[in-house]
């Protein structure tokens, strides 16, 4: 794996900048960028420093390598990572993305709907981990998009169907009005 994995001491986002990082006292594994947002009932994260953030599209240029899997679990910063890698993600080079939908998206001025729409618009279909055959559609997709539970997290996999992008129209914000 040493030849297949590259570790860089940077964060990823939608623009190149330095961003404050906050960590929950006693739990450095729960760190958030840009906003001191934590889980209900837990200590509020405190400022611990700054992180250099880059855009994926500034790191990877065409011709893109073949990328089987990207994992994005960045405590609400997921939308910014996808926006900063729009050209890469929409190129078809990335075959699947494992990502988390968390209540922290709101602290980053985003939403489940915005993040899911980015994946749909860049050609991915959505699946649940370990359910490779069935895509999430219809009512099930609406329930994932519209879930506003302040404690609820969900892991999804965005997959290129048959290895090629199939751009889908964005979901309307109106789908959540009946929830």
Protein backbone atom coordinates (compact mmCIF):
# COMPACT_ATOMS: atom_id res chain seq x y z
CA UNK A 1 0.00 0.00 0.00
CA UNK A 2 2.91 2.34 0.51
CA UNK A 3 3.05 3.02 -3.23
CA UNK A 4 -0.72 3.54 -3.48
CA UNK A 5 -1.36 5.96 -0.61
CA UNK A 6 -0.06 9.49 -0.34
CA UNK A 7 -0.43 11.38 2.93
CA UNK A 8 -0.20 15.16 2.94
CA UNK A 9 -0.26 17.47 5.98
CA UNK A 10 -3.18 19.56 4.68
CA UNK A 11 -6.94 19.79 4.90
CA UNK A 12 -9.18 19.90 1.87
CA UNK A 13 -11.85 22.48 1.10
CA UNK A 14 -13.33 24.77 -1.51
CA UNK A 15 -10.46 27.27 -1.55
CA UNK A 16 -6.79 27.49 -0.57
CA UNK A 17 -6.54 29.21 2.79
CA UNK A 18 -5.75 28.71 6.46
CA UNK A 19 -8.76 27.69 8.54
CA UNK A 20 -9.12 27.57 12.33
CA UNK A 21 -9.44 24.09 13.80
CA UNK A 22 -11.45 23.33 16.92
CA UNK A 23 -11.20 20.15 19.01
CA UNK A 24 -13.49 18.74 21.64
CA UNK A 25 -11.61 18.81 24.98
CA UNK A 26 -10.36 15.31 25.74
CA UNK A 27 -11.28 14.04 22.27
CA UNK A 28 -8.88 15.23 19.56
CA UNK A 29 -10.55 12.72 17.24
CA UNK A 30 -13.52 15.04 17.11
CA UNK A 31 -12.09 18.12 15.45
CA UNK A 32 -13.94 20.56 13.21
CA UNK A 33 -12.73 23.23 10.82
CA UNK A 34 -13.96 26.78 10.68
CA UNK A 35 -16.64 26.62 13.41
CA UNK A 36 -16.77 25.49 17.04
CA UNK A 37 -19.69 23.11 16.53
CA UNK A 38 -20.06 19.97 18.61
CA UNK A 39 -22.53 17.26 19.44
CA UNK A 40 -25.37 18.00 21.86
CA UNK A 41 -24.47 16.98 25.38
CA UNK A 42 -20.72 17.05 24.75
CA UNK A 43 -18.13 19.71 25.43
CA UNK A 44 -17.99 22.57 22.93
CA UNK A 45 -14.86 22.32 20.78
CA UNK A 46 -12.15 24.89 21.54
CA UNK A 47 -9.75 26.59 19.15
CA UNK A 48 -6.51 24.62 18.91
CA UNK A 49 -4.79 26.20 15.90
CA UNK A 50 -5.09 26.54 12.15
CA UNK A 51 -4.95 24.11 9.24
CA UNK A 52 -3.66 24.81 5.75
CA UNK A 53 -6.48 23.93 3.34
CA UNK A 54 -6.11 23.20 -0.38
CA UNK A 55 -8.51 22.33 -3.19
CA UNK A 56 -8.37 18.82 -4.67
CA UNK A 57 -8.55 20.45 -8.11
CA UNK A 58 -5.30 22.28 -7.33
CA UNK A 59 -3.61 19.02 -6.29
CA UNK A 60 -4.83 16.75 -9.08
CA UNK A 61 -4.72 17.91 -12.70
CA UNK A 62 -5.72 16.02 -15.86
CA UNK A 63 -4.89 13.46 -16.93
CA UNK A 64 -6.30 12.15 -13.67
CA UNK A 65 -5.20 8.87 -12.14
CA UNK A 66 -7.73 6.06 -11.78
CA UNK A 67 -9.06 6.35 -8.21
CA UNK A 68 -11.14 3.44 -6.92
CA UNK A 69 -12.19 4.97 -3.61
CA UNK A 70 -12.11 8.30 -1.83
CA UNK A 71 -13.18 8.48 1.82
CA UNK A 72 -14.48 11.81 3.10
CA UNK A 73 -15.29 12.08 6.82
CA UNK A 74 -14.51 15.63 7.82
CA UNK A 75 -17.18 16.63 10.35
CA UNK A 76 -19.40 18.76 8.10
CA UNK A 77 -16.71 19.99 5.71
CA UNK A 78 -17.69 17.34 3.12
CA UNK A 79 -19.51 19.78 0.83
CA UNK A 80 -16.48 22.07 0.71
CA UNK A 81 -14.20 19.12 -0.14
CA UNK A 82 -16.43 18.06 -3.05
CA UNK A 83 -16.76 21.66 -4.29
CA UNK A 84 -12.97 22.03 -4.21
CA UNK A 85 -12.60 18.80 -6.19
CA UNK A 86 -15.48 19.35 -8.60
CA UNK A 87 -13.39 18.82 -11.75
CA UNK A 88 -11.85 15.62 -10.36
CA UNK A 89 -15.14 14.18 -9.09
CA UNK A 90 -17.10 15.01 -12.26
CA UNK A 91 -14.36 13.67 -14.57
CA UNK A 92 -15.16 9.99 -14.03
CA UNK A 93 -11.69 9.31 -12.59
CA UNK A 94 -13.06 8.67 -9.09
CA UNK A 95 -15.18 5.51 -9.13
CA UNK A 96 -16.62 5.69 -5.60
CA UNK A 97 -16.73 8.00 -2.60
CA UNK A 98 -17.48 6.84 0.94
CA UNK A 99 -18.77 9.84 2.90
CA UNK A 100 -20.60 10.86 6.02
CA UNK A 101 -23.74 12.94 6.33
CA UNK A 102 -23.59 14.63 9.70
CA UNK A 103 -25.46 17.32 11.59
CA UNK A 104 -22.23 19.36 11.35
CA UNK A 105 -23.01 20.20 7.71
CA UNK A 106 -25.24 22.98 9.03
CA UNK A 107 -22.37 24.59 10.94
CA UNK A 108 -20.53 24.82 7.60
CA UNK A 109 -23.53 26.52 5.94
CA UNK A 110 -24.40 23.40 3.96
CA UNK A 111 -26.99 20.61 4.12
CA UNK A 112 -27.52 16.97 3.31
CA UNK A 113 -29.46 18.09 0.23
CA UNK A 114 -26.61 20.27 -1.07
CA UNK A 115 -24.01 17.53 -0.61
CA UNK A 116 -26.16 14.81 -2.18
CA UNK A 117 -26.97 17.08 -5.11
CA UNK A 118 -23.26 17.68 -5.74
CA UNK A 119 -22.73 13.94 -6.08
CA UNK A 120 -25.80 13.52 -8.32
CA UNK A 121 -24.76 16.42 -10.54
CA UNK A 122 -21.26 14.98 -10.93
CA UNK A 123 -22.61 11.62 -12.13
CA UNK A 124 -22.78 9.45 -9.01
CA UNK A 125 -25.63 7.33 -7.68
CA UNK A 126 -26.00 6.78 -3.95
CA UNK A 127 -25.86 3.50 -2.08
CA UNK A 128 -25.64 2.38 1.50
CA UNK A 129 -22.36 0.73 2.51
CA UNK A 130 -22.44 -3.06 2.02
CA UNK A 131 -25.49 -2.84 -0.28
CA UNK A 132 -23.69 -2.71 -3.62
CA UNK A 133 -26.64 -3.73 -5.80
CA UNK A 134 -29.33 -1.27 -4.75
CA UNK A 135 -29.22 2.47 -5.24
CA UNK A 136 -31.02 4.79 -2.84
CA UNK A 137 -33.97 6.34 -4.64
CA UNK A 138 -37.47 7.66 -4.06
CA UNK A 139 -38.76 7.71 -0.51
CA UNK A 140 -35.56 6.23 0.92
CA UNK A 141 -33.48 8.99 -0.68
CA UNK A 142 -35.91 11.62 0.59
CA UNK A 143 -35.66 10.23 4.12
CA UNK A 144 -31.86 10.46 4.00
CA UNK A 145 -31.89 13.97 2.52
CA UNK A 146 -34.57 15.38 4.81
CA UNK A 147 -33.41 13.85 8.10
CA UNK A 148 -32.79 16.85 10.35
CA UNK A 149 -32.07 14.91 13.53
CA UNK A 150 -29.39 16.85 15.45
CA UNK A 151 -27.71 13.60 16.56
CA UNK A 152 -28.04 11.54 13.38
CA UNK A 153 -25.13 10.54 11.21
CA UNK A 154 -25.35 8.44 8.04
CA UNK A 155 -22.67 6.86 5.90
CA UNK A 156 -23.27 6.61 2.17
CA UNK A 157 -21.31 5.56 -0.88
CA UNK A 158 -21.47 7.57 -4.09
CA UNK A 159 -20.74 5.25 -7.02
CA UNK A 160 -20.37 5.79 -10.74
CA UNK A 161 -22.87 3.42 -12.35
CA UNK A 162 -21.02 1.08 -14.69
CA UNK A 163 -17.89 3.16 -14.03
CA UNK A 164 -19.17 6.14 -16.02
CA UNK A 165 -20.81 9.39 -14.82
CA UNK A 166 -24.58 9.58 -15.26
CA UNK A 167 -25.54 13.15 -14.41
CA UNK A 168 -28.84 13.38 -12.57
CA UNK A 169 -30.94 16.48 -12.00
CA UNK A 170 -30.63 18.07 -8.57
CA UNK A 171 -33.25 17.23 -5.99
CA UNK A 172 -35.52 20.14 -5.16
CA UNK A 173 -35.48 21.68 -1.69
CA UNK A 174 -39.27 21.24 -1.82
CA UNK A 175 -38.93 17.49 -1.24
CA UNK A 176 -38.41 18.15 2.46
CA UNK A 177 -41.51 20.33 2.88
CA UNK A 178 -43.68 17.30 3.63
CA UNK A 179 -41.34 16.00 6.34
